PDB file of all heavy atoms in Angstrom:
ATOM      1  N   GLU A   1     155.941  24.893  58.163  1.00  0.00           N
ATOM      2  CA  GLU A   1     154.934  24.358  57.197  1.00  0.00           C
ATOM      3  C   GLU A   1     153.665  23.880  57.890  1.00  0.00           C
ATOM      4  O   GLU A   1     152.571  24.125  57.522  1.00  0.00           O
ATOM      5  CB  GLU A   1     155.521  23.267  56.300  1.00  0.00           C
ATOM      6  CG  GLU A   1     154.503  22.744  55.301  1.00  0.00           C
ATOM      7  CD  GLU A   1     155.090  21.594  54.471  1.00  0.00           C
ATOM      8  OE1 GLU A   1     156.208  21.232  54.545  1.00  0.00           O
ATOM      9  OE2 GLU A   1     154.234  21.007  53.764  1.00  0.00           O
ATOM     10  N   LEU A   2     153.828  23.104  59.035  1.00  0.00           N
ATOM     11  CA  LEU A   2     152.736  22.653  59.817  1.00  0.00           C
ATOM     12  C   LEU A   2     151.859  23.857  60.294  1.00  0.00           C
ATOM     13  O   LEU A   2     150.698  23.791  60.197  1.00  0.00           O
ATOM     14  CB  LEU A   2     153.206  21.810  60.946  1.00  0.00           C
ATOM     15  CG  LEU A   2     152.138  21.278  61.858  1.00  0.00           C
ATOM     16  CD1 LEU A   2     151.158  20.376  61.136  1.00  0.00           C
ATOM     17  CD2 LEU A   2     152.769  20.530  63.107  1.00  0.00           C
ATOM     18  N   LYS A   3     152.455  24.831  60.884  1.00  0.00           N
ATOM     19  CA  LYS A   3     151.796  25.928  61.382  1.00  0.00           C
ATOM     20  C   LYS A   3     151.025  26.629  60.226  1.00  0.00           C
ATOM     21  O   LYS A   3     149.839  27.029  60.423  1.00  0.00           O
ATOM     22  CB  LYS A   3     152.701  27.000  62.072  1.00  0.00           C
ATOM     23  CG  LYS A   3     151.942  28.177  62.584  1.00  0.00           C
ATOM     24  CD  LYS A   3     152.739  29.090  63.402  1.00  0.00           C
ATOM     25  CE  LYS A   3     152.075  30.282  63.993  1.00  0.00           C
ATOM     26  NZ  LYS A   3     150.731  30.597  63.502  1.00  0.00           N
ATOM     27  N   ASN A   4     151.620  26.824  59.097  1.00  0.00           N
ATOM     28  CA  ASN A   4     150.939  27.443  57.947  1.00  0.00           C
ATOM     29  C   ASN A   4     149.756  26.587  57.541  1.00  0.00           C
ATOM     30  O   ASN A   4     148.698  27.182  57.266  1.00  0.00           O
ATOM     31  CB  ASN A   4     151.974  27.637  56.760  1.00  0.00           C
ATOM     32  CG  ASN A   4     153.001  28.759  56.986  1.00  0.00           C
ATOM     33  OD1 ASN A   4     152.767  29.594  57.846  1.00  0.00           O
ATOM     34  ND2 ASN A   4     154.000  28.655  56.258  1.00  0.00           N
ATOM     35  N   ARG A   5     149.990  25.372  57.456  1.00  0.00           N
ATOM     36  CA  ARG A   5     148.794  24.482  57.077  1.00  0.00           C
ATOM     37  C   ARG A   5     147.670  24.487  58.151  1.00  0.00           C
ATOM     38  O   ARG A   5     146.463  24.502  57.813  1.00  0.00           O
ATOM     39  CB  ARG A   5     149.221  23.060  56.850  1.00  0.00           C
ATOM     40  CG  ARG A   5     150.192  23.057  55.559  1.00  0.00           C
ATOM     41  CD  ARG A   5     150.496  21.647  55.127  1.00  0.00           C
ATOM     42  NE  ARG A   5     149.240  20.976  54.663  1.00  0.00           N
ATOM     43  CZ  ARG A   5     149.051  19.682  54.632  1.00  0.00           C
ATOM     44  NH1 ARG A   5     150.046  18.782  55.004  1.00  0.00           N
ATOM     45  NH2 ARG A   5     147.894  19.182  54.165  1.00  0.00           N
ATOM     46  N   MET A   6     148.018  24.541  59.395  1.00  0.00           N
ATOM     47  CA  MET A   6     147.067  24.684  60.464  1.00  0.00           C
ATOM     48  C   MET A   6     146.292  26.058  60.275  1.00  0.00           C
ATOM     49  O   MET A   6     145.080  26.017  60.381  1.00  0.00           O
ATOM     50  CB  MET A   6     147.727  24.604  61.827  1.00  0.00           C
ATOM     51  CG  MET A   6     148.180  23.218  62.169  1.00  0.00           C
ATOM     52  SD  MET A   6     149.081  23.206  63.696  1.00  0.00           S
ATOM     53  CE  MET A   6     148.028  23.769  64.909  1.00  0.00           C
ATOM     54  N   ASP A   7     147.048  27.102  60.024  1.00  0.00           N
ATOM     55  CA  ASP A   7     146.470  28.443  59.928  1.00  0.00           C
ATOM     56  C   ASP A   7     145.499  28.497  58.718  1.00  0.00           C
ATOM     57  O   ASP A   7     144.439  29.138  58.741  1.00  0.00           O
ATOM     58  CB  ASP A   7     147.520  29.586  59.798  1.00  0.00           C
ATOM     59  CG  ASP A   7     148.302  29.761  61.075  1.00  0.00           C
ATOM     60  OD1 ASP A   7     147.849  29.246  62.081  1.00  0.00           O
ATOM     61  OD2 ASP A   7     149.335  30.349  60.985  1.00  0.00           O
ATOM     62  N   ASN A   8     145.749  27.747  57.722  1.00  0.00           N
ATOM     63  CA  ASN A   8     144.931  27.641  56.536  1.00  0.00           C
ATOM     64  C   ASN A   8     143.780  26.599  56.597  1.00  0.00           C
ATOM     65  O   ASN A   8     143.079  26.527  55.692  1.00  0.00           O
ATOM     66  CB  ASN A   8     145.744  27.354  55.280  1.00  0.00           C
ATOM     67  CG  ASN A   8     146.724  28.525  54.937  1.00  0.00           C
ATOM     68  OD1 ASN A   8     146.458  29.646  55.204  1.00  0.00           O
ATOM     69  ND2 ASN A   8     147.886  28.203  54.325  1.00  0.00           N
ATOM     70  N   GLY A   9     143.713  25.987  57.730  1.00  0.00           N
ATOM     71  CA  GLY A   9     142.645  24.996  57.903  1.00  0.00           C
ATOM     72  C   GLY A   9     142.828  23.720  57.176  1.00  0.00           C
ATOM     73  O   GLY A   9     141.948  22.902  56.929  1.00  0.00           O
ATOM     74  N   GLU A  10     144.098  23.389  56.757  1.00  0.00           N
ATOM     75  CA  GLU A  10     144.425  22.253  55.974  1.00  0.00           C
ATOM     76  C   GLU A  10     144.768  21.051  56.889  1.00  0.00           C
ATOM     77  O   GLU A  10     144.823  19.920  56.403  1.00  0.00           O
ATOM     78  CB  GLU A  10     145.577  22.555  55.000  1.00  0.00           C
ATOM     79  CG  GLU A  10     145.354  23.592  54.095  1.00  0.00           C
ATOM     80  CD  GLU A  10     146.580  23.971  53.267  1.00  0.00           C
ATOM     81  OE1 GLU A  10     147.572  23.175  53.293  1.00  0.00           O
ATOM     82  OE2 GLU A  10     146.502  25.058  52.630  1.00  0.00           O
ATOM     83  N   VAL A  11     145.213  21.350  58.151  1.00  0.00           N
ATOM     84  CA  VAL A  11     145.643  20.266  58.993  1.00  0.00           C
ATOM     85  C   VAL A  11     145.133  20.502  60.456  1.00  0.00           C
ATOM     86  O   VAL A  11     145.013  21.652  60.916  1.00  0.00           O
ATOM     87  CB  VAL A  11     147.192  20.383  59.127  1.00  0.00           C
ATOM     88  CG1 VAL A  11     147.782  19.480  60.276  1.00  0.00           C
ATOM     89  CG2 VAL A  11     147.822  19.898  57.848  1.00  0.00           C
ATOM     90  N   LEU A  12     144.712  19.398  61.104  1.00  0.00           N
ATOM     91  CA  LEU A  12     144.356  19.446  62.537  1.00  0.00           C
ATOM     92  C   LEU A  12     145.529  18.774  63.278  1.00  0.00           C
ATOM     93  O   LEU A  12     145.984  17.728  62.846  1.00  0.00           O
ATOM     94  CB  LEU A  12     143.067  18.579  62.777  1.00  0.00           C
ATOM     95  CG  LEU A  12     141.760  19.072  62.389  1.00  0.00           C
ATOM     96  CD1 LEU A  12     140.737  18.079  62.657  1.00  0.00           C
ATOM     97  CD2 LEU A  12     141.452  20.372  63.277  1.00  0.00           C
ATOM     98  N   LEU A  13     145.923  19.464  64.349  1.00  0.00           N
ATOM     99  CA  LEU A  13     147.042  18.916  65.144  1.00  0.00           C
ATOM    100  C   LEU A  13     146.408  18.215  66.371  1.00  0.00           C
ATOM    101  O   LEU A  13     145.786  18.963  67.151  1.00  0.00           O
ATOM    102  CB  LEU A  13     148.048  19.999  65.466  1.00  0.00           C
ATOM    103  CG  LEU A  13     149.239  19.580  66.298  1.00  0.00           C
ATOM    104  CD1 LEU A  13     150.119  18.559  65.557  1.00  0.00           C
ATOM    105  CD2 LEU A  13     150.054  20.755  66.718  1.00  0.00           C
ATOM    106  N   LEU A  14     146.698  16.950  66.504  1.00  0.00           N
ATOM    107  CA  LEU A  14     146.003  16.212  67.634  1.00  0.00           C
ATOM    108  C   LEU A  14     147.070  15.847  68.624  1.00  0.00           C
ATOM    109  O   LEU A  14     148.112  15.178  68.314  1.00  0.00           O
ATOM    110  CB  LEU A  14     145.395  14.881  67.117  1.00  0.00           C
ATOM    111  CG  LEU A  14     144.336  15.112  65.964  1.00  0.00           C
ATOM    112  CD1 LEU A  14     143.902  13.698  65.472  1.00  0.00           C
ATOM    113  CD2 LEU A  14     143.201  15.998  66.332  1.00  0.00           C
ATOM    114  N   ASP A  15     146.870  16.191  69.852  1.00  0.00           N
ATOM    115  CA  ASP A  15     147.735  15.875  71.014  1.00  0.00           C
ATOM    116  C   ASP A  15     147.098  14.646  71.641  1.00  0.00           C
ATOM    117  O   ASP A  15     146.063  14.708  72.259  1.00  0.00           O
ATOM    118  CB  ASP A  15     147.825  16.965  71.995  1.00  0.00           C
ATOM    119  CG  ASP A  15     148.724  16.739  73.179  1.00  0.00           C
ATOM    120  OD1 ASP A  15     148.872  15.582  73.516  1.00  0.00           O
ATOM    121  OD2 ASP A  15     149.276  17.737  73.676  1.00  0.00           O
ATOM    122  N   VAL A  16     147.729  13.420  71.485  1.00  0.00           N
ATOM    123  CA  VAL A  16     147.125  12.198  71.958  1.00  0.00           C
ATOM    124  C   VAL A  16     147.644  11.732  73.271  1.00  0.00           C
ATOM    125  O   VAL A  16     147.441  10.616  73.743  1.00  0.00           O
ATOM    126  CB  VAL A  16     147.227  11.068  70.904  1.00  0.00           C
ATOM    127  CG1 VAL A  16     146.427  11.407  69.630  1.00  0.00           C
ATOM    128  CG2 VAL A  16     148.671  10.799  70.611  1.00  0.00           C
ATOM    129  N   ARG A  17     148.385  12.645  73.990  1.00  0.00           N
ATOM    130  CA  ARG A  17     148.829  12.401  75.291  1.00  0.00           C
ATOM    131  C   ARG A  17     147.665  12.482  76.316  1.00  0.00           C
ATOM    132  O   ARG A  17     146.637  12.941  75.985  1.00  0.00           O
ATOM    133  CB  ARG A  17     149.943  13.375  75.741  1.00  0.00           C
ATOM    134  CG  ARG A  17     151.167  13.442  74.769  1.00  0.00           C
ATOM    135  CD  ARG A  17     152.093  14.550  75.146  1.00  0.00           C
ATOM    136  NE  ARG A  17     151.351  15.799  75.044  1.00  0.00           N
ATOM    137  CZ  ARG A  17     151.751  16.846  75.838  1.00  0.00           C
ATOM    138  NH1 ARG A  17     152.756  16.772  76.678  1.00  0.00           N
ATOM    139  NH2 ARG A  17     151.069  18.020  75.710  1.00  0.00           N
ATOM    140  N   PRO A  18     147.889  11.965  77.581  1.00  0.00           N
ATOM    141  CA  PRO A  18     146.817  12.116  78.582  1.00  0.00           C
ATOM    142  C   PRO A  18     146.513  13.654  78.723  1.00  0.00           C
ATOM    143  O   PRO A  18     147.279  14.563  78.584  1.00  0.00           O
ATOM    144  CB  PRO A  18     147.519  11.612  79.857  1.00  0.00           C
ATOM    145  CG  PRO A  18     148.561  10.647  79.298  1.00  0.00           C
ATOM    146  CD  PRO A  18     149.001  11.237  78.051  1.00  0.00           C
ATOM    147  N   LYS A  19     145.222  13.923  79.018  1.00  0.00           N
ATOM    148  CA  LYS A  19     144.659  15.254  79.150  1.00  0.00           C
ATOM    149  C   LYS A  19     145.527  16.053  80.222  1.00  0.00           C
ATOM    150  O   LYS A  19     145.715  17.268  79.948  1.00  0.00           O
ATOM    151  CB  LYS A  19     143.250  15.229  79.594  1.00  0.00           C
ATOM    152  CG  LYS A  19     142.609  16.622  79.718  1.00  0.00           C
ATOM    153  CD  LYS A  19     141.134  16.639  79.462  1.00  0.00           C
ATOM    154  CE  LYS A  19     140.579  17.984  79.653  1.00  0.00           C
ATOM    155  NZ  LYS A  19     141.274  19.196  79.327  1.00  0.00           N
ATOM    156  N   GLU A  20     145.954  15.517  81.311  1.00  0.00           N
ATOM    157  CA  GLU A  20     146.778  16.159  82.176  1.00  0.00           C
ATOM    158  C   GLU A  20     148.005  16.764  81.631  1.00  0.00           C
ATOM    159  O   GLU A  20     148.374  17.888  81.996  1.00  0.00           O
ATOM    160  CB  GLU A  20     147.110  15.292  83.419  1.00  0.00           C
ATOM    161  CG  GLU A  20     145.881  14.723  84.259  1.00  0.00           C
ATOM    162  CD  GLU A  20     145.277  13.545  83.500  1.00  0.00           C
ATOM    163  OE1 GLU A  20     145.885  12.849  82.691  1.00  0.00           O
ATOM    164  OE2 GLU A  20     144.042  13.388  83.667  1.00  0.00           O
ATOM    165  N   GLU A  21     148.657  15.977  80.730  1.00  0.00           N
ATOM    166  CA  GLU A  21     149.863  16.490  80.090  1.00  0.00           C
ATOM    167  C   GLU A  21     149.506  17.664  79.124  1.00  0.00           C
ATOM    168  O   GLU A  21     150.255  18.586  79.038  1.00  0.00           O
ATOM    169  CB  GLU A  21     150.592  15.347  79.367  1.00  0.00           C
ATOM    170  CG  GLU A  21     151.163  14.415  80.357  1.00  0.00           C
ATOM    171  CD  GLU A  21     151.981  13.288  79.639  1.00  0.00           C
ATOM    172  OE1 GLU A  21     152.468  13.545  78.585  1.00  0.00           O
ATOM    173  OE2 GLU A  21     151.938  12.111  80.185  1.00  0.00           O
ATOM    174  N   TYR A  22     148.425  17.504  78.442  1.00  0.00           N
ATOM    175  CA  TYR A  22     147.984  18.544  77.477  1.00  0.00           C
ATOM    176  C   TYR A  22     147.722  19.820  78.311  1.00  0.00           C
ATOM    177  O   TYR A  22     148.075  20.843  77.899  1.00  0.00           O
ATOM    178  CB  TYR A  22     146.700  18.189  76.780  1.00  0.00           C
ATOM    179  CG  TYR A  22     146.080  19.232  75.911  1.00  0.00           C
ATOM    180  CD1 TYR A  22     146.457  19.376  74.595  1.00  0.00           C
ATOM    181  CD2 TYR A  22     145.061  20.027  76.387  1.00  0.00           C
ATOM    182  CE1 TYR A  22     145.886  20.412  73.820  1.00  0.00           C
ATOM    183  CE2 TYR A  22     144.517  20.989  75.597  1.00  0.00           C
ATOM    184  CZ  TYR A  22     144.898  21.186  74.317  1.00  0.00           C
ATOM    185  OH  TYR A  22     144.329  22.213  73.628  1.00  0.00           O
ATOM    186  N   ASP A  23     146.987  19.726  79.395  1.00  0.00           N
ATOM    187  CA  ASP A  23     146.649  20.868  80.245  1.00  0.00           C
ATOM    188  C   ASP A  23     147.950  21.516  80.782  1.00  0.00           C
ATOM    189  O   ASP A  23     147.976  22.714  80.936  1.00  0.00           O
ATOM    190  CB  ASP A  23     145.753  20.495  81.439  1.00  0.00           C
ATOM    191  CG  ASP A  23     144.344  20.062  81.005  1.00  0.00           C
ATOM    192  OD1 ASP A  23     143.978  20.437  79.823  1.00  0.00           O
ATOM    193  OD2 ASP A  23     143.648  19.403  81.753  1.00  0.00           O
ATOM    194  N   GLU A  24     148.950  20.762  81.062  1.00  0.00           N
ATOM    195  CA  GLU A  24     150.223  21.286  81.566  1.00  0.00           C
ATOM    196  C   GLU A  24     150.948  22.097  80.519  1.00  0.00           C
ATOM    197  O   GLU A  24     151.485  23.167  80.816  1.00  0.00           O
ATOM    198  CB  GLU A  24     151.116  20.105  82.096  1.00  0.00           C
ATOM    199  CG  GLU A  24     152.201  20.652  82.956  1.00  0.00           C
ATOM    200  CD  GLU A  24     152.941  19.497  83.559  1.00  0.00           C
ATOM    201  OE1 GLU A  24     152.311  18.697  84.259  1.00  0.00           O
ATOM    202  OE2 GLU A  24     154.189  19.375  83.385  1.00  0.00           O
ATOM    203  N   GLU A  25     150.978  21.537  79.391  1.00  0.00           N
ATOM    204  CA  GLU A  25     151.650  22.278  78.192  1.00  0.00           C
ATOM    205  C   GLU A  25     151.433  21.507  76.881  1.00  0.00           C
ATOM    206  O   GLU A  25     151.310  20.292  76.869  1.00  0.00           O
ATOM    207  CB  GLU A  25     153.162  22.241  78.443  1.00  0.00           C
ATOM    208  CG  GLU A  25     153.902  23.101  77.435  1.00  0.00           C
ATOM    209  CD  GLU A  25     155.396  23.159  77.734  1.00  0.00           C
ATOM    210  OE1 GLU A  25     155.956  22.338  78.468  1.00  0.00           O
ATOM    211  OE2 GLU A  25     156.030  24.113  77.231  1.00  0.00           O
ATOM    212  N   HIS A  26     151.166  22.281  75.858  1.00  0.00           N
ATOM    213  CA  HIS A  26     150.934  21.639  74.489  1.00  0.00           C
ATOM    214  C   HIS A  26     151.333  22.645  73.402  1.00  0.00           C
ATOM    215  O   HIS A  26     151.500  23.802  73.726  1.00  0.00           O
ATOM    216  CB  HIS A  26     149.415  21.228  74.413  1.00  0.00           C
ATOM    217  CG  HIS A  26     148.514  22.373  74.528  1.00  0.00           C
ATOM    218  ND1 HIS A  26     147.989  22.756  75.706  1.00  0.00           N
ATOM    219  CD2 HIS A  26     148.010  23.198  73.619  1.00  0.00           C
ATOM    220  CE1 HIS A  26     147.145  23.843  75.498  1.00  0.00           C
ATOM    221  NE2 HIS A  26     147.183  24.117  74.264  1.00  0.00           N
ATOM    222  N   ILE A  27     151.352  22.125  72.222  1.00  0.00           N
ATOM    223  CA  ILE A  27     151.680  22.952  71.114  1.00  0.00           C
ATOM    224  C   ILE A  27     150.525  23.819  70.754  1.00  0.00           C
ATOM    225  O   ILE A  27     149.317  23.348  70.792  1.00  0.00           O
ATOM    226  CB  ILE A  27     152.025  22.074  69.826  1.00  0.00           C
ATOM    227  CG1 ILE A  27     153.311  21.273  70.127  1.00  0.00           C
ATOM    228  CG2 ILE A  27     152.179  23.003  68.634  1.00  0.00           C
ATOM    229  CD1 ILE A  27     153.652  20.290  69.027  1.00  0.00           C
ATOM    230  N   PRO A  28     150.685  25.168  70.700  1.00  0.00           N
ATOM    231  CA  PRO A  28     149.529  26.040  70.402  1.00  0.00           C
ATOM    232  C   PRO A  28     148.713  25.567  69.147  1.00  0.00           C
ATOM    233  O   PRO A  28     149.312  25.203  68.108  1.00  0.00           O
ATOM    234  CB  PRO A  28     150.122  27.384  70.173  1.00  0.00           C
ATOM    235  CG  PRO A  28     151.458  27.297  70.876  1.00  0.00           C
ATOM    236  CD  PRO A  28     151.892  25.909  70.740  1.00  0.00           C
ATOM    237  N   GLY A  29     147.460  25.527  69.304  1.00  0.00           N
ATOM    238  CA  GLY A  29     146.509  25.128  68.216  1.00  0.00           C
ATOM    239  C   GLY A  29     146.210  23.626  68.261  1.00  0.00           C
ATOM    240  O   GLY A  29     145.388  23.134  67.471  1.00  0.00           O
ATOM    241  N   ALA A  30     146.820  22.842  69.112  1.00  0.00           N
ATOM    242  CA  ALA A  30     146.583  21.456  69.131  1.00  0.00           C
ATOM    243  C   ALA A  30     145.272  21.168  69.877  1.00  0.00           C
ATOM    244  O   ALA A  30     144.832  21.921  70.722  1.00  0.00           O
ATOM    245  CB  ALA A  30     147.758  20.681  69.913  1.00  0.00           C
ATOM    246  N   ILE A  31     144.675  20.072  69.449  1.00  0.00           N
ATOM    247  CA  ILE A  31     143.500  19.597  70.012  1.00  0.00           C
ATOM    248  C   ILE A  31     143.772  18.415  70.852  1.00  0.00           C
ATOM    249  O   ILE A  31     144.369  17.433  70.416  1.00  0.00           O
ATOM    250  CB  ILE A  31     142.369  19.175  68.973  1.00  0.00           C
ATOM    251  CG1 ILE A  31     142.080  20.424  68.130  1.00  0.00           C
ATOM    252  CG2 ILE A  31     141.093  18.570  69.544  1.00  0.00           C
ATOM    253  CD1 ILE A  31     141.279  20.092  66.859  1.00  0.00           C
ATOM    254  N   SER A  32     143.270  18.384  72.102  1.00  0.00           N
ATOM    255  CA  SER A  32     143.521  17.179  72.920  1.00  0.00           C
ATOM    256  C   SER A  32     142.476  16.092  72.703  1.00  0.00           C
ATOM    257  O   SER A  32     141.223  16.284  72.839  1.00  0.00           O
ATOM    258  CB  SER A  32     143.391  17.592  74.452  1.00  0.00           C
ATOM    259  OG  SER A  32     143.525  16.500  75.285  1.00  0.00           O
ATOM    260  N   ILE A  33     143.048  14.922  72.289  1.00  0.00           N
ATOM    261  CA  ILE A  33     142.215  13.718  72.134  1.00  0.00           C
ATOM    262  C   ILE A  33     143.084  12.646  72.727  1.00  0.00           C
ATOM    263  O   ILE A  33     143.977  12.068  71.916  1.00  0.00           O
ATOM    264  CB  ILE A  33     141.755  13.428  70.731  1.00  0.00           C
ATOM    265  CG1 ILE A  33     140.893  14.572  70.136  1.00  0.00           C
ATOM    266  CG2 ILE A  33     140.916  12.172  70.692  1.00  0.00           C
ATOM    267  CD1 ILE A  33     140.419  14.433  68.747  1.00  0.00           C
ATOM    268  N   PRO A  34     142.976  12.279  73.983  1.00  0.00           N
ATOM    269  CA  PRO A  34     143.810  11.194  74.489  1.00  0.00           C
ATOM    270  C   PRO A  34     143.691   9.896  73.672  1.00  0.00           C
ATOM    271  O   PRO A  34     142.654   9.643  73.091  1.00  0.00           O
ATOM    272  CB  PRO A  34     143.303  10.949  75.965  1.00  0.00           C
ATOM    273  CG  PRO A  34     142.744  12.292  76.253  1.00  0.00           C
ATOM    274  CD  PRO A  34     142.148  12.797  74.986  1.00  0.00           C
TER     275      PRO A  34
END
């Protein structure tokens, strides 16, 4: 459901971990904002 809502532009997925962790691996489509 989250992926479908992201694909439809209904949800932004925010990765709030440190940028280094985002760069190492993250959920596809997530935006890095520490």
